[in-house]
Amino acid sequence: MYQPLAYKVMEKFLKVGFKLKEDIIKKQFNCTATGFWVKKSKDLNFLLIMHEHLFVFQK
């Protein structure tokens, strides 16, 4: 199961009055899915996520 923590954080900011101006999605470089990590992700049941969000808010 994937928990979108970035969007949960964004929701908290919106609830207290901030306005979302932009959602910048940054691709993670140097995140290679080597055989080691592919095996670990399957064994431990987690996803290899290769991006992150930068939210720009205005109060």
N, C-alpha and C. Protein backbone atom coordinates (compact mmCIF):
# COMPACT_ATOMS: atom_id res chain seq x y z
N MET A 1 0.84 -1.18 0.00
CA MET A 1 0.00 0.00 0.00
C MET A 1 0.88 1.24 0.00
N TYR A 2 0.57 2.18 -0.84
CA TYR A 2 1.33 3.42 -0.96
C TYR A 2 0.64 4.53 -0.17
N GLN A 3 1.36 5.15 0.75
CA GLN A 3 0.82 6.26 1.53
C GLN A 3 1.39 7.57 0.98
N PRO A 4 0.60 8.39 0.32
CA PRO A 4 1.09 9.65 -0.26
C PRO A 4 1.29 10.72 0.82
N LEU A 5 2.39 10.64 1.55
CA LEU A 5 2.63 11.54 2.67
C LEU A 5 2.73 13.00 2.22
N ALA A 6 3.29 13.24 1.05
CA ALA A 6 3.42 14.62 0.56
C ALA A 6 2.04 15.26 0.46
N TYR A 7 1.06 14.55 -0.03
CA TYR A 7 -0.27 15.12 -0.19
C TYR A 7 -0.98 15.27 1.15
N LYS A 8 -0.65 14.43 2.10
CA LYS A 8 -1.23 14.59 3.43
C LYS A 8 -0.69 15.87 4.09
N VAL A 9 0.59 16.15 3.90
CA VAL A 9 1.18 17.38 4.41
C VAL A 9 0.55 18.58 3.72
N MET A 10 0.41 18.51 2.40
CA MET A 10 -0.22 19.59 1.65
C MET A 10 -1.63 19.86 2.17
N GLU A 11 -2.38 18.83 2.43
CA GLU A 11 -3.75 18.97 2.93
C GLU A 11 -3.78 19.72 4.26
N LYS A 12 -2.82 19.45 5.14
CA LYS A 12 -2.75 20.13 6.44
C LYS A 12 -2.53 21.63 6.24
N PHE A 13 -1.64 22.00 5.33
CA PHE A 13 -1.38 23.41 5.05
C PHE A 13 -2.63 24.09 4.48
N LEU A 14 -3.33 23.41 3.58
CA LEU A 14 -4.53 23.98 2.98
C LEU A 14 -5.62 24.21 4.03
N LYS A 15 -5.72 23.29 4.98
CA LYS A 15 -6.76 23.39 6.02
C LYS A 15 -6.54 24.58 6.95
N VAL A 16 -5.29 25.04 7.11
CA VAL A 16 -5.02 26.16 8.02
C VAL A 16 -4.91 27.49 7.28
N GLY A 17 -5.29 27.50 5.99
CA GLY A 17 -5.41 28.76 5.30
C GLY A 17 -4.37 29.08 4.24
N PHE A 18 -3.43 28.22 4.02
CA PHE A 18 -2.46 28.47 2.95
C PHE A 18 -3.11 28.17 1.60
N LYS A 19 -2.62 28.83 0.55
CA LYS A 19 -3.07 28.55 -0.81
C LYS A 19 -1.92 27.95 -1.58
N LEU A 20 -2.20 26.87 -2.28
CA LEU A 20 -1.17 26.21 -3.07
C LEU A 20 -0.95 26.98 -4.36
N LYS A 21 0.26 27.44 -4.56
CA LYS A 21 0.60 28.18 -5.77
C LYS A 21 1.22 27.27 -6.82
N GLU A 22 1.99 26.27 -6.38
CA GLU A 22 2.66 25.40 -7.34
C GLU A 22 3.07 24.10 -6.67
N ASP A 23 3.04 23.04 -7.44
CA ASP A 23 3.54 21.73 -7.01
C ASP A 23 4.65 21.36 -7.98
N ILE A 24 5.87 21.43 -7.52
CA ILE A 24 7.03 21.12 -8.35
C ILE A 24 7.42 19.68 -8.05
N ILE A 25 7.46 18.85 -9.08
CA ILE A 25 7.84 17.45 -8.91
C ILE A 25 9.27 17.29 -9.38
N LYS A 26 10.12 16.88 -8.44
CA LYS A 26 11.55 16.74 -8.71
C LYS A 26 11.87 15.27 -8.88
N LYS A 27 12.40 14.95 -10.01
CA LYS A 27 12.83 13.57 -10.27
C LYS A 27 14.14 13.33 -9.53
N GLN A 28 14.23 12.21 -8.86
CA GLN A 28 15.44 11.85 -8.14
C GLN A 28 16.43 11.21 -9.11
N PHE A 29 17.58 11.82 -9.21
CA PHE A 29 18.64 11.25 -10.02
C PHE A 29 19.54 10.42 -9.11
N ASN A 30 20.33 9.59 -9.69
CA ASN A 30 21.23 8.68 -8.95
C ASN A 30 20.45 7.67 -8.11
N CYS A 31 19.20 7.45 -8.42
CA CYS A 31 18.41 6.41 -7.77
C CYS A 31 18.28 5.25 -8.75
N THR A 32 19.24 4.42 -8.74
CA THR A 32 19.20 3.31 -9.68
C THR A 32 18.56 2.10 -9.01
N ALA A 33 17.76 1.43 -9.75
CA ALA A 33 17.11 0.23 -9.25
C ALA A 33 18.05 -0.96 -9.48
N THR A 34 19.08 -1.01 -8.67
CA THR A 34 20.03 -2.12 -8.80
C THR A 34 19.33 -3.40 -8.37
N GLY A 35 19.93 -4.49 -8.74
CA GLY A 35 19.37 -5.78 -8.37
C GLY A 35 19.19 -5.91 -6.87
N PHE A 36 20.13 -5.33 -6.09
CA PHE A 36 20.05 -5.38 -4.63
C PHE A 36 18.75 -4.73 -4.14
N TRP A 37 18.46 -3.50 -4.61
CA TRP A 37 17.28 -2.78 -4.13
C TRP A 37 15.99 -3.36 -4.69
N VAL A 38 16.03 -3.86 -5.89
CA VAL A 38 14.83 -4.49 -6.45
C VAL A 38 14.47 -5.71 -5.61
N LYS A 39 15.45 -6.51 -5.26
CA LYS A 39 15.20 -7.69 -4.43
C LYS A 39 14.71 -7.29 -3.04
N LYS A 40 15.38 -6.29 -2.43
CA LYS A 40 14.98 -5.84 -1.10
C LYS A 40 13.55 -5.30 -1.10
N SER A 41 13.20 -4.53 -2.14
CA SER A 41 11.85 -3.96 -2.18
C SER A 41 10.80 -5.06 -2.27
N LYS A 42 11.10 -6.12 -2.99
CA LYS A 42 10.15 -7.23 -3.09
C LYS A 42 10.11 -8.03 -1.78
N ASP A 43 11.29 -8.28 -1.19
CA ASP A 43 11.35 -9.05 0.06
C ASP A 43 10.66 -8.33 1.21
N LEU A 44 10.86 -7.01 1.29
CA LEU A 44 10.33 -6.22 2.42
C LEU A 44 9.03 -5.49 2.08
N ASN A 45 8.53 -5.69 0.86
CA ASN A 45 7.25 -5.15 0.44
C ASN A 45 7.19 -3.62 0.52
N PHE A 46 8.16 -2.94 -0.14
CA PHE A 46 8.09 -1.49 -0.25
C PHE A 46 8.38 -1.08 -1.68
N LEU A 47 7.90 0.11 -2.04
CA LEU A 47 8.05 0.61 -3.40
C LEU A 47 9.28 1.50 -3.51
N LEU A 48 9.91 1.46 -4.66
CA LEU A 48 11.02 2.36 -4.95
C LEU A 48 10.44 3.62 -5.58
N ILE A 49 10.37 4.69 -4.81
CA ILE A 49 9.80 5.95 -5.29
C ILE A 49 10.96 6.83 -5.76
N MET A 50 10.82 7.39 -6.95
CA MET A 50 11.95 8.11 -7.54
C MET A 50 11.62 9.57 -7.82
N HIS A 51 10.80 10.19 -6.98
CA HIS A 51 10.50 11.62 -7.14
C HIS A 51 10.11 12.19 -5.78
N GLU A 52 10.10 13.52 -5.70
CA GLU A 52 9.64 14.18 -4.49
C GLU A 52 8.92 15.46 -4.88
N HIS A 53 8.09 15.96 -3.98
CA HIS A 53 7.29 17.15 -4.26
C HIS A 53 7.85 18.35 -3.50
N LEU A 54 7.81 19.50 -4.16
CA LEU A 54 8.12 20.77 -3.51
C LEU A 54 6.87 21.63 -3.68
N PHE A 55 6.15 21.84 -2.58
CA PHE A 55 4.94 22.64 -2.64
C PHE A 55 5.29 24.09 -2.35
N VAL A 56 4.74 25.00 -3.14
CA VAL A 56 4.92 26.43 -2.94
C VAL A 56 3.57 26.98 -2.49
N PHE A 57 3.54 27.51 -1.26
CA PHE A 57 2.30 28.02 -0.69
C PHE A 57 2.36 29.54 -0.56
N GLN A 58 1.17 30.14 -0.44
CA GLN A 58 1.06 31.55 -0.12
C GLN A 58 0.07 31.66 1.04
N LYS A 59 0.41 32.49 2.01
CA LYS A 59 -0.49 32.68 3.16
C LYS A 59 -1.38 33.87 2.92
